[in-house]
mmCIF file of all heavy atoms, coordinates in Angstrom:
data_MODEL
# 
_entry.id   MODEL 
# 
loop_
_atom_site.group_PDB 
_atom_site.id 
_atom_site.type_symbol 
_atom_site.label_atom_id 
_atom_site.label_alt_id 
_atom_site.label_comp_id 
_atom_site.label_asym_id 
_atom_site.label_entity_id 
_atom_site.label_seq_id 
_atom_site.pdbx_PDB_ins_code 
_atom_site.Cartn_x 
_atom_site.Cartn_y 
_atom_site.Cartn_z 
_atom_site.occupancy 
_atom_site.B_iso_or_equiv 
_atom_site.pdbx_formal_charge 
_atom_site.auth_seq_id 
_atom_site.auth_comp_id 
_atom_site.auth_asym_id 
_atom_site.auth_atom_id 
_atom_site.pdbx_PDB_model_num 
ATOM 1   N N   . HIS A 1 1  ? -274.177 154.034 136.232 1.00 0.00 ? 1  HIS A N   1 
ATOM 2   C CA  . HIS A 1 1  ? -275.198 153.120 136.732 1.00 0.00 ? 1  HIS A CA  1 
ATOM 3   C C   . HIS A 1 1  ? -274.604 151.756 137.057 1.00 0.00 ? 1  HIS A C   1 
ATOM 4   O O   . HIS A 1 1  ? -274.871 151.183 138.132 1.00 0.00 ? 1  HIS A O   1 
ATOM 5   C CB  . HIS A 1 1  ? -276.311 152.983 135.686 1.00 0.00 ? 1  HIS A CB  1 
ATOM 6   C CG  . HIS A 1 1  ? -277.453 152.114 136.113 1.00 0.00 ? 1  HIS A CG  1 
ATOM 7   N ND1 . HIS A 1 1  ? -278.330 152.470 137.110 1.00 0.00 ? 1  HIS A ND1 1 
ATOM 8   C CD2 . HIS A 1 1  ? -277.848 150.890 135.676 1.00 0.00 ? 1  HIS A CD2 1 
ATOM 9   C CE1 . HIS A 1 1  ? -279.237 151.516 137.272 1.00 0.00 ? 1  HIS A CE1 1 
ATOM 10  N NE2 . HIS A 1 1  ? -278.961 150.545 136.422 1.00 0.00 ? 1  HIS A NE2 1 
ATOM 11  N N   . THR A 1 2  ? -273.786 151.222 136.159 1.00 0.00 ? 2  THR A N   1 
ATOM 12  C CA  . THR A 1 2  ? -273.210 149.884 136.331 1.00 0.00 ? 2  THR A CA  1 
ATOM 13  C C   . THR A 1 2  ? -272.241 149.833 137.507 1.00 0.00 ? 2  THR A C   1 
ATOM 14  O O   . THR A 1 2  ? -272.278 148.901 138.317 1.00 0.00 ? 2  THR A O   1 
ATOM 15  C CB  . THR A 1 2  ? -272.485 149.452 135.046 1.00 0.00 ? 2  THR A CB  1 
ATOM 16  O OG1 . THR A 1 2  ? -273.396 149.501 133.942 1.00 0.00 ? 2  THR A OG1 1 
ATOM 17  C CG2 . THR A 1 2  ? -271.944 148.036 135.191 1.00 0.00 ? 2  THR A CG2 1 
ATOM 18  N N   . ILE A 1 3  ? -271.366 150.818 137.599 1.00 0.00 ? 3  ILE A N   1 
ATOM 19  C CA  . ILE A 1 3  ? -270.394 150.852 138.703 1.00 0.00 ? 3  ILE A CA  1 
ATOM 20  C C   . ILE A 1 3  ? -271.117 150.957 140.039 1.00 0.00 ? 3  ILE A C   1 
ATOM 21  O O   . ILE A 1 3  ? -270.760 150.293 141.016 1.00 0.00 ? 3  ILE A O   1 
ATOM 22  C CB  . ILE A 1 3  ? -269.409 152.025 138.517 1.00 0.00 ? 3  ILE A CB  1 
ATOM 23  C CG1 . ILE A 1 3  ? -268.533 151.791 137.278 1.00 0.00 ? 3  ILE A CG1 1 
ATOM 24  C CG2 . ILE A 1 3  ? -268.526 152.190 139.754 1.00 0.00 ? 3  ILE A CG2 1 
ATOM 25  C CD1 . ILE A 1 3  ? -267.683 152.981 136.896 1.00 0.00 ? 3  ILE A CD1 1 
ATOM 26  N N   . TYR A 1 4  ? -272.156 151.784 140.084 1.00 0.00 ? 4  TYR A N   1 
ATOM 27  C CA  . TYR A 1 4  ? -272.909 151.980 141.327 1.00 0.00 ? 4  TYR A CA  1 
ATOM 28  C C   . TYR A 1 4  ? -273.569 150.669 141.772 1.00 0.00 ? 4  TYR A C   1 
ATOM 29  O O   . TYR A 1 4  ? -273.556 150.318 142.957 1.00 0.00 ? 4  TYR A O   1 
ATOM 30  C CB  . TYR A 1 4  ? -273.973 153.061 141.134 1.00 0.00 ? 4  TYR A CB  1 
ATOM 31  C CG  . TYR A 1 4  ? -274.767 153.363 142.379 1.00 0.00 ? 4  TYR A CG  1 
ATOM 32  C CD1 . TYR A 1 4  ? -274.261 154.218 143.361 1.00 0.00 ? 4  TYR A CD1 1 
ATOM 33  C CD2 . TYR A 1 4  ? -276.016 152.788 142.580 1.00 0.00 ? 4  TYR A CD2 1 
ATOM 34  C CE1 . TYR A 1 4  ? -274.982 154.496 144.514 1.00 0.00 ? 4  TYR A CE1 1 
ATOM 35  C CE2 . TYR A 1 4  ? -276.749 153.056 143.737 1.00 0.00 ? 4  TYR A CE2 1 
ATOM 36  C CZ  . TYR A 1 4  ? -276.231 153.914 144.693 1.00 0.00 ? 4  TYR A CZ  1 
ATOM 37  O OH  . TYR A 1 4  ? -276.942 154.173 145.834 1.00 0.00 ? 4  TYR A OH  1 
ATOM 38  N N   . LEU A 1 5  ? -274.144 149.921 140.830 1.00 0.00 ? 5  LEU A N   1 
ATOM 39  C CA  . LEU A 1 5  ? -274.856 148.694 141.166 1.00 0.00 ? 5  LEU A CA  1 
ATOM 40  C C   . LEU A 1 5  ? -273.926 147.537 141.483 1.00 0.00 ? 5  LEU A C   1 
ATOM 41  O O   . LEU A 1 5  ? -274.198 146.734 142.384 1.00 0.00 ? 5  LEU A O   1 
ATOM 42  C CB  . LEU A 1 5  ? -275.782 148.294 140.012 1.00 0.00 ? 5  LEU A CB  1 
ATOM 43  C CG  . LEU A 1 5  ? -277.005 149.188 139.754 1.00 0.00 ? 5  LEU A CG  1 
ATOM 44  C CD1 . LEU A 1 5  ? -277.792 148.662 138.569 1.00 0.00 ? 5  LEU A CD1 1 
ATOM 45  C CD2 . LEU A 1 5  ? -277.888 149.266 141.000 1.00 0.00 ? 5  LEU A CD2 1 
ATOM 46  N N   . LYS A 1 6  ? -272.813 147.413 140.753 1.00 0.00 ? 6  LYS A N   1 
ATOM 47  C CA  . LYS A 1 6  ? -271.967 146.228 140.836 1.00 0.00 ? 6  LYS A CA  1 
ATOM 48  C C   . LYS A 1 6  ? -270.725 146.376 141.702 1.00 0.00 ? 6  LYS A C   1 
ATOM 49  O O   . LYS A 1 6  ? -270.086 145.361 142.025 1.00 0.00 ? 6  LYS A O   1 
ATOM 50  C CB  . LYS A 1 6  ? -271.551 145.784 139.430 1.00 0.00 ? 6  LYS A CB  1 
ATOM 51  C CG  . LYS A 1 6  ? -272.719 145.336 138.551 1.00 0.00 ? 6  LYS A CG  1 
ATOM 52  C CD  . LYS A 1 6  ? -272.212 144.809 137.220 1.00 0.00 ? 6  LYS A CD  1 
ATOM 53  C CE  . LYS A 1 6  ? -273.365 144.295 136.361 1.00 0.00 ? 6  LYS A CE  1 
ATOM 54  N NZ  . LYS A 1 6  ? -272.877 143.750 135.062 1.00 0.00 ? 6  LYS A NZ  1 
ATOM 55  N N   . GLU A 1 7  ? -270.367 147.605 142.065 1.00 0.00 ? 7  GLU A N   1 
ATOM 56  C CA  . GLU A 1 7  ? -269.092 147.782 142.770 1.00 0.00 ? 7  GLU A CA  1 
ATOM 57  C C   . GLU A 1 7  ? -269.227 148.543 144.091 1.00 0.00 ? 7  GLU A C   1 
ATOM 58  O O   . GLU A 1 7  ? -268.358 149.311 144.479 1.00 0.00 ? 7  GLU A O   1 
ATOM 59  C CB  . GLU A 1 7  ? -268.075 148.474 141.850 1.00 0.00 ? 7  GLU A CB  1 
ATOM 60  C CG  . GLU A 1 7  ? -267.793 147.671 140.592 1.00 0.00 ? 7  GLU A CG  1 
ATOM 61  C CD  . GLU A 1 7  ? -266.671 148.252 139.763 1.00 0.00 ? 7  GLU A CD  1 
ATOM 62  O OE1 . GLU A 1 7  ? -265.709 148.804 140.333 1.00 0.00 ? 7  GLU A OE1 1 
ATOM 63  O OE2 . GLU A 1 7  ? -266.736 148.135 138.523 1.00 0.00 ? 7  GLU A OE2 1 
ATOM 64  N N   . GLY A 1 8  ? -270.338 148.311 144.769 1.00 0.00 ? 8  GLY A N   1 
ATOM 65  C CA  . GLY A 1 8  ? -270.462 148.817 146.128 1.00 0.00 ? 8  GLY A CA  1 
ATOM 66  C C   . GLY A 1 8  ? -271.025 150.201 146.284 1.00 0.00 ? 8  GLY A C   1 
ATOM 67  O O   . GLY A 1 8  ? -270.742 150.887 147.277 1.00 0.00 ? 8  GLY A O   1 
ATOM 68  N N   . GLY A 1 9  ? -271.809 150.668 145.320 1.00 0.00 ? 9  GLY A N   1 
ATOM 69  C CA  . GLY A 1 9  ? -272.431 151.977 145.443 1.00 0.00 ? 9  GLY A CA  1 
ATOM 70  C C   . GLY A 1 9  ? -271.441 153.114 145.262 1.00 0.00 ? 9  GLY A C   1 
ATOM 71  O O   . GLY A 1 9  ? -270.555 153.061 144.408 1.00 0.00 ? 9  GLY A O   1 
ATOM 72  N N   . VAL A 1 10 ? -271.570 154.131 146.106 1.00 0.00 ? 10 VAL A N   1 
ATOM 73  C CA  . VAL A 1 10 ? -270.730 155.330 145.974 1.00 0.00 ? 10 VAL A CA  1 
ATOM 74  C C   . VAL A 1 10 ? -269.248 155.005 146.120 1.00 0.00 ? 10 VAL A C   1 
ATOM 75  O O   . VAL A 1 10 ? -268.404 155.592 145.438 1.00 0.00 ? 10 VAL A O   1 
ATOM 76  C CB  . VAL A 1 10 ? -271.146 156.388 147.026 1.00 0.00 ? 10 VAL A CB  1 
ATOM 77  C CG1 . VAL A 1 10 ? -270.208 157.588 146.971 1.00 0.00 ? 10 VAL A CG1 1 
ATOM 78  C CG2 . VAL A 1 10 ? -272.588 156.838 146.786 1.00 0.00 ? 10 VAL A CG2 1 
ATOM 79  N N   . SER A 1 11 ? -268.910 154.059 146.990 1.00 0.00 ? 11 SER A N   1 
ATOM 80  C CA  . SER A 1 11 ? -267.503 153.719 147.216 1.00 0.00 ? 11 SER A CA  1 
ATOM 81  C C   . SER A 1 11 ? -266.832 153.209 145.946 1.00 0.00 ? 11 SER A C   1 
ATOM 82  O O   . SER A 1 11 ? -265.612 153.322 145.796 1.00 0.00 ? 11 SER A O   1 
ATOM 83  C CB  . SER A 1 11 ? -267.381 152.667 148.326 1.00 0.00 ? 11 SER A CB  1 
ATOM 84  O OG  . SER A 1 11 ? -268.039 151.461 147.956 1.00 0.00 ? 11 SER A OG  1 
ATOM 85  N N   . GLY A 1 12 ? -267.618 152.665 145.020 1.00 0.00 ? 12 GLY A N   1 
ATOM 86  C CA  . GLY A 1 12 ? -267.046 152.181 143.766 1.00 0.00 ? 12 GLY A CA  1 
ATOM 87  C C   . GLY A 1 12 ? -266.458 153.284 142.914 1.00 0.00 ? 12 GLY A C   1 
ATOM 88  O O   . GLY A 1 12 ? -265.561 153.043 142.102 1.00 0.00 ? 12 GLY A O   1 
ATOM 89  N N   . PHE A 1 13 ? -266.960 154.511 143.107 1.00 0.00 ? 13 PHE A N   1 
ATOM 90  C CA  . PHE A 1 13 ? -266.458 155.647 142.329 1.00 0.00 ? 13 PHE A CA  1 
ATOM 91  C C   . PHE A 1 13 ? -265.186 156.247 142.933 1.00 0.00 ? 13 PHE A C   1 
ATOM 92  O O   . PHE A 1 13 ? -264.579 157.125 142.336 1.00 0.00 ? 13 PHE A O   1 
ATOM 93  C CB  . PHE A 1 13 ? -267.526 156.743 142.241 1.00 0.00 ? 13 PHE A CB  1 
ATOM 94  C CG  . PHE A 1 13 ? -268.741 156.331 141.465 1.00 0.00 ? 13 PHE A CG  1 
ATOM 95  C CD1 . PHE A 1 13 ? -269.939 156.044 142.118 1.00 0.00 ? 13 PHE A CD1 1 
ATOM 96  C CD2 . PHE A 1 13 ? -268.694 156.212 140.090 1.00 0.00 ? 13 PHE A CD2 1 
ATOM 97  C CE1 . PHE A 1 13 ? -271.063 155.661 141.396 1.00 0.00 ? 13 PHE A CE1 1 
ATOM 98  C CE2 . PHE A 1 13 ? -269.811 155.826 139.362 1.00 0.00 ? 13 PHE A CE2 1 
ATOM 99  C CZ  . PHE A 1 13 ? -270.996 155.547 140.022 1.00 0.00 ? 13 PHE A CZ  1 
ATOM 100 N N   . TYR A 1 14 ? -264.817 155.782 144.122 1.00 0.00 ? 14 TYR A N   1 
ATOM 101 C CA  . TYR A 1 14 ? -263.632 156.331 144.781 1.00 0.00 ? 14 TYR A CA  1 
ATOM 102 C C   . TYR A 1 14 ? -262.533 155.292 144.949 1.00 0.00 ? 14 TYR A C   1 
ATOM 103 O O   . TYR A 1 14 ? -261.621 155.477 145.741 1.00 0.00 ? 14 TYR A O   1 
ATOM 104 C CB  . TYR A 1 14 ? -264.012 156.946 146.129 1.00 0.00 ? 14 TYR A CB  1 
ATOM 105 C CG  . TYR A 1 14 ? -264.704 158.277 145.954 1.00 0.00 ? 14 TYR A CG  1 
ATOM 106 C CD1 . TYR A 1 14 ? -266.090 158.359 145.842 1.00 0.00 ? 14 TYR A CD1 1 
ATOM 107 C CD2 . TYR A 1 14 ? -263.973 159.459 145.866 1.00 0.00 ? 14 TYR A CD2 1 
ATOM 108 C CE1 . TYR A 1 14 ? -266.731 159.576 145.645 1.00 0.00 ? 14 TYR A CE1 1 
ATOM 109 C CE2 . TYR A 1 14 ? -264.601 160.680 145.664 1.00 0.00 ? 14 TYR A CE2 1 
ATOM 110 C CZ  . TYR A 1 14 ? -265.978 160.725 145.568 1.00 0.00 ? 14 TYR A CZ  1 
ATOM 111 O OH  . TYR A 1 14 ? -266.601 161.939 145.360 1.00 0.00 ? 14 TYR A OH  1 
ATOM 112 N N   . ARG A 1 15 ? -262.621 154.225 144.174 1.00 0.00 ? 15 ARG A N   1 
ATOM 113 C CA  . ARG A 1 15 ? -261.567 153.219 144.196 1.00 0.00 ? 15 ARG A CA  1 
ATOM 114 C C   . ARG A 1 15 ? -260.303 153.822 143.591 1.00 0.00 ? 15 ARG A C   1 
ATOM 115 O O   . ARG A 1 15 ? -260.326 154.369 142.490 1.00 0.00 ? 15 ARG A O   1 
ATOM 116 C CB  . ARG A 1 15 ? -262.004 151.993 143.401 1.00 0.00 ? 15 ARG A CB  1 
ATOM 117 C CG  . ARG A 1 15 ? -260.939 150.921 143.354 1.00 0.00 ? 15 ARG A CG  1 
ATOM 118 C CD  . ARG A 1 15 ? -261.473 149.621 142.794 1.00 0.00 ? 15 ARG A CD  1 
ATOM 119 N NE  . ARG A 1 15 ? -260.441 148.600 142.753 1.00 0.00 ? 15 ARG A NE  1 
ATOM 120 C CZ  . ARG A 1 15 ? -260.671 147.309 142.579 1.00 0.00 ? 15 ARG A CZ  1 
ATOM 121 N NH1 . ARG A 1 15 ? -261.902 146.895 142.449 1.00 0.00 ? 15 ARG A NH1 1 
ATOM 122 N NH2 . ARG A 1 15 ? -259.682 146.453 142.544 1.00 0.00 ? 15 ARG A NH2 1 
ATOM 123 N N   . GLY A 1 16 ? -259.204 153.714 144.300 1.00 0.00 ? 16 GLY A N   1 
ATOM 124 C CA  . GLY A 1 16 ? -257.952 154.290 143.822 1.00 0.00 ? 16 GLY A CA  1 
ATOM 125 C C   . GLY A 1 16 ? -257.759 155.740 144.231 1.00 0.00 ? 16 GLY A C   1 
ATOM 126 O O   . GLY A 1 16 ? -256.807 156.395 143.791 1.00 0.00 ? 16 GLY A O   1 
ATOM 127 N N   . LEU A 1 17 ? -258.649 156.262 145.091 1.00 0.00 ? 17 LEU A N   1 
ATOM 128 C CA  . LEU A 1 17 ? -258.537 157.666 145.493 1.00 0.00 ? 17 LEU A CA  1 
ATOM 129 C C   . LEU A 1 17 ? -257.253 157.938 146.277 1.00 0.00 ? 17 LEU A C   1 
ATOM 130 O O   . LEU A 1 17 ? -256.607 158.965 146.073 1.00 0.00 ? 17 LEU A O   1 
ATOM 131 C CB  . LEU A 1 17 ? -259.750 158.082 146.330 1.00 0.00 ? 17 LEU A CB  1 
ATOM 132 C CG  . LEU A 1 17 ? -259.737 159.521 146.854 1.00 0.00 ? 17 LEU A CG  1 
ATOM 133 C CD1 . LEU A 1 17 ? -259.727 160.517 145.698 1.00 0.00 ? 17 LEU A CD1 1 
ATOM 134 C CD2 . LEU A 1 17 ? -260.926 159.788 147.773 1.00 0.00 ? 17 LEU A CD2 1 
ATOM 135 N N   . THR A 1 18 ? -256.883 157.017 147.158 1.00 0.00 ? 18 THR A N   1 
ATOM 136 C CA  . THR A 1 18 ? -255.686 157.227 147.985 1.00 0.00 ? 18 THR A CA  1 
ATOM 137 C C   . THR A 1 18 ? -254.423 157.400 147.146 1.00 0.00 ? 18 THR A C   1 
ATOM 138 O O   . THR A 1 18 ? -253.693 158.389 147.323 1.00 0.00 ? 18 THR A O   1 
ATOM 139 C CB  . THR A 1 18 ? -255.506 156.076 148.996 1.00 0.00 ? 18 THR A CB  1 
ATOM 140 O OG1 . THR A 1 18 ? -256.637 156.035 149.862 1.00 0.00 ? 18 THR A OG1 1 
ATOM 141 C CG2 . THR A 1 18 ? -254.252 156.276 149.830 1.00 0.00 ? 18 THR A CG2 1 
ATOM 142 N N   . PRO A 1 19 ? -254.108 156.462 146.214 1.00 0.00 ? 19 PRO A N   1 
ATOM 143 C CA  . PRO A 1 19 ? -252.911 156.693 145.398 1.00 0.00 ? 19 PRO A CA  1 
ATOM 144 C C   . PRO A 1 19 ? -253.033 157.919 144.501 1.00 0.00 ? 19 PRO A C   1 
ATOM 145 O O   . PRO A 1 19 ? -252.034 158.553 144.159 1.00 0.00 ? 19 PRO A O   1 
ATOM 146 C CB  . PRO A 1 19 ? -252.785 155.412 144.551 1.00 0.00 ? 19 PRO A CB  1 
ATOM 147 C CG  . PRO A 1 19 ? -254.139 154.805 144.562 1.00 0.00 ? 19 PRO A CG  1 
ATOM 148 C CD  . PRO A 1 19 ? -254.721 155.154 145.908 1.00 0.00 ? 19 PRO A CD  1 
ATOM 149 N N   . THR A 1 20 ? -254.270 158.264 144.131 1.00 0.00 ? 20 THR A N   1 
ATOM 150 C CA  . THR A 1 20 ? -254.465 159.462 143.321 1.00 0.00 ? 20 THR A CA  1 
ATOM 151 C C   . THR A 1 20 ? -254.078 160.710 144.110 1.00 0.00 ? 20 THR A C   1 
ATOM 152 O O   . THR A 1 20 ? -253.365 161.588 143.612 1.00 0.00 ? 20 THR A O   1 
ATOM 153 C CB  . THR A 1 20 ? -255.927 159.583 142.856 1.00 0.00 ? 20 THR A CB  1 
ATOM 154 O OG1 . THR A 1 20 ? -256.264 158.435 142.091 1.00 0.00 ? 20 THR A OG1 1 
ATOM 155 C CG2 . THR A 1 20 ? -256.117 160.828 141.990 1.00 0.00 ? 20 THR A CG2 1 
ATOM 156 N N   . LEU A 1 21 ? -254.538 160.785 145.346 1.00 0.00 ? 21 LEU A N   1 
ATOM 157 C CA  . LEU A 1 21 ? -254.217 161.938 146.184 1.00 0.00 ? 21 LEU A CA  1 
ATOM 158 C C   . LEU A 1 21 ? -252.725 161.987 146.495 1.00 0.00 ? 21 LEU A C   1 
ATOM 159 O O   . LEU A 1 21 ? -252.098 163.055 146.464 1.00 0.00 ? 21 LEU A O   1 
ATOM 160 C CB  . LEU A 1 21 ? -255.024 161.882 147.489 1.00 0.00 ? 21 LEU A CB  1 
ATOM 161 C CG  . LEU A 1 21 ? -256.527 162.104 147.353 1.00 0.00 ? 21 LEU A CG  1 
ATOM 162 C CD1 . LEU A 1 21 ? -257.208 161.906 148.708 1.00 0.00 ? 21 LEU A CD1 1 
ATOM 163 C CD2 . LEU A 1 21 ? -256.820 163.495 146.809 1.00 0.00 ? 21 LEU A CD2 1 
ATOM 164 N N   . ILE A 1 22 ? -252.145 160.823 146.791 1.00 0.00 ? 22 ILE A N   1 
ATOM 165 C CA  . ILE A 1 22 ? -250.715 160.772 147.085 1.00 0.00 ? 22 ILE A CA  1 
ATOM 166 C C   . ILE A 1 22 ? -249.902 161.156 145.856 1.00 0.00 ? 22 ILE A C   1 
ATOM 167 O O   . ILE A 1 22 ? -248.891 161.847 145.947 1.00 0.00 ? 22 ILE A O   1 
ATOM 168 C CB  . ILE A 1 22 ? -250.314 159.366 147.575 1.00 0.00 ? 22 ILE A CB  1 
ATOM 169 C CG1 . ILE A 1 22 ? -250.995 159.075 148.918 1.00 0.00 ? 22 ILE A CG1 1 
ATOM 170 C CG2 . ILE A 1 22 ? -248.796 159.258 147.719 1.00 0.00 ? 22 ILE A CG2 1 
ATOM 171 C CD1 . ILE A 1 22 ? -250.778 157.662 149.416 1.00 0.00 ? 22 ILE A CD1 1 
ATOM 172 N N   . GLY A 1 23 ? -250.370 160.714 144.677 1.00 0.00 ? 23 GLY A N   1 
ATOM 173 C CA  . GLY A 1 23 ? -249.669 161.062 143.448 1.00 0.00 ? 23 GLY A CA  1 
ATOM 174 C C   . GLY A 1 23 ? -249.900 162.508 143.029 1.00 0.00 ? 23 GLY A C   1 
ATOM 175 O O   . GLY A 1 23 ? -249.015 163.152 142.465 1.00 0.00 ? 23 GLY A O   1 
ATOM 176 N N   . MET A 1 24 ? -251.094 163.023 143.323 1.00 0.00 ? 24 MET A N   1 
ATOM 177 C CA  . MET A 1 24 ? -251.420 164.390 142.922 1.00 0.00 ? 24 MET A CA  1 
ATOM 178 C C   . MET A 1 24 ? -250.648 165.419 143.737 1.00 0.00 ? 24 MET A C   1 
ATOM 179 O O   . MET A 1 24 ? -250.325 166.491 143.230 1.00 0.00 ? 24 MET A O   1 
ATOM 180 C CB  . MET A 1 24 ? -252.928 164.632 143.062 1.00 0.00 ? 24 MET A CB  1 
ATOM 181 C CG  . MET A 1 24 ? -253.382 166.035 142.667 1.00 0.00 ? 24 MET A CG  1 
ATOM 182 S SD  . MET A 1 24 ? -252.817 166.543 141.012 1.00 0.00 ? 24 MET A SD  1 
ATOM 183 C CE  . MET A 1 24 ? -253.712 165.376 139.981 1.00 0.00 ? 24 MET A CE  1 
ATOM 184 N N   . ALA A 1 25 ? -250.359 165.103 144.980 1.00 0.00 ? 25 ALA A N   1 
ATOM 185 C CA  . ALA A 1 25 ? -249.636 166.049 145.836 1.00 0.00 ? 25 ALA A CA  1 
ATOM 186 C C   . ALA A 1 25 ? -248.303 166.478 145.209 1.00 0.00 ? 25 ALA A C   1 
ATOM 187 O O   . ALA A 1 25 ? -248.069 167.673 145.017 1.00 0.00 ? 25 ALA A O   1 
ATOM 188 C CB  . ALA A 1 25 ? -249.440 165.474 147.232 1.00 0.00 ? 25 ALA A CB  1 
ATOM 189 N N   . PRO A 1 26 ? -247.416 165.532 144.860 1.00 0.00 ? 26 PRO A N   1 
ATOM 190 C CA  . PRO A 1 26 ? -246.172 165.965 144.210 1.00 0.00 ? 26 PRO A CA  1 
ATOM 191 C C   . PRO A 1 26 ? -246.379 166.477 142.791 1.00 0.00 ? 26 PRO A C   1 
ATOM 192 O O   . PRO A 1 26 ? -245.690 167.405 142.363 1.00 0.00 ? 26 PRO A O   1 
ATOM 193 C CB  . PRO A 1 26 ? -245.297 164.710 144.221 1.00 0.00 ? 26 PRO A CB  1 
ATOM 194 C CG  . PRO A 1 26 ? -246.255 163.574 144.291 1.00 0.00 ? 26 PRO A CG  1 
ATOM 195 C CD  . PRO A 1 26 ? -247.404 164.082 145.129 1.00 0.00 ? 26 PRO A CD  1 
ATOM 196 N N   . TYR A 1 27 ? -247.354 165.885 142.053 1.00 0.00 ? 27 TYR A N   1 
ATOM 197 C CA  . TYR A 1 27 ? -247.543 166.320 140.663 1.00 0.00 ? 27 TYR A CA  1 
ATOM 198 C C   . TYR A 1 27 ? -248.002 167.774 140.583 1.00 0.00 ? 27 TYR A C   1 
ATOM 199 O O   . TYR A 1 27 ? -247.376 168.604 139.928 1.00 0.00 ? 27 TYR A O   1 
ATOM 200 C CB  . TYR A 1 27 ? -248.564 165.427 139.953 1.00 0.00 ? 27 TYR A CB  1 
ATOM 201 C CG  . TYR A 1 27 ? -248.870 165.926 138.558 1.00 0.00 ? 27 TYR A CG  1 
ATOM 202 C CD1 . TYR A 1 27 ? -247.953 165.745 137.533 1.00 0.00 ? 27 TYR A CD1 1 
ATOM 203 C CD2 . TYR A 1 27 ? -250.050 166.607 138.272 1.00 0.00 ? 27 TYR A CD2 1 
ATOM 204 C CE1 . TYR A 1 27 ? -248.201 166.223 136.259 1.00 0.00 ? 27 TYR A CE1 1 
ATOM 205 C CE2 . TYR A 1 27 ? -250.309 167.093 137.005 1.00 0.00 ? 27 TYR A CE2 1 
ATOM 206 C CZ  . TYR A 1 27 ? -249.382 166.894 136.006 1.00 0.00 ? 27 TYR A CZ  1 
ATOM 207 O OH  . TYR A 1 27 ? -249.633 167.387 134.747 1.00 0.00 ? 27 TYR A OH  1 
# 
């Protein structure tokens, strides 16, 4: 609830997704 209200809605839950995907590929 807090992240959704204070950090831009749905996009707040995907912060850091790019490095996660880039890191997950080799891992």
